Amino acid sequence: MIQGITTLLPLLNKAINLVPDKNKLHQQKADLEKELVKALVDVDKEQAKINREDAKATGSLSWIQRLWRPTLAWVCVIAFAFQFLVIPITTWYGAVTNNPIDLPTLPSDVLMTTLFALLGLTGARSFEKLKKINK
């Protein structure tokens, strides 16, 4: 909606400039700007209402919205621990006791992709906090 309004502004300015009376011209421009500001404020108010309702609706599930990064980090830590600690130690123990144990392995490329994505998100969030972009 806002993009549509902003694309119409040059056209509206041309239409307003056709008004012969300069006082009327300035008044119409001021009225148009006032209406545009009111429309933008209305959009912001509606978005605030949506945000409030979303916060109410999630209620007990709000921890998911707040803690998804740390949860993903812990999942990544557990997966790395399994892949690089549990599997080698278990395989070694099976070889020593002459009782081979085959555990499933996790694809390392997927683990690394997840790790780098998580580190990138953490870096972006740290940058936001440093610049005070978001609370």
Foldseek 3Di string as FASTA:
>chain_A
DLVVVVVCVVVVLVVLVVDPDPVVSVVVVVVSVVVSVVVVVVVVVVVVVVVVVVCVVCVVVVCCVVCVLVVLVVVLVVLCCCQPPVQVVQQVVCVVVVHGDDDDHDDVVVSVVSVVVSVVVVVVVVVCVVVVVDD
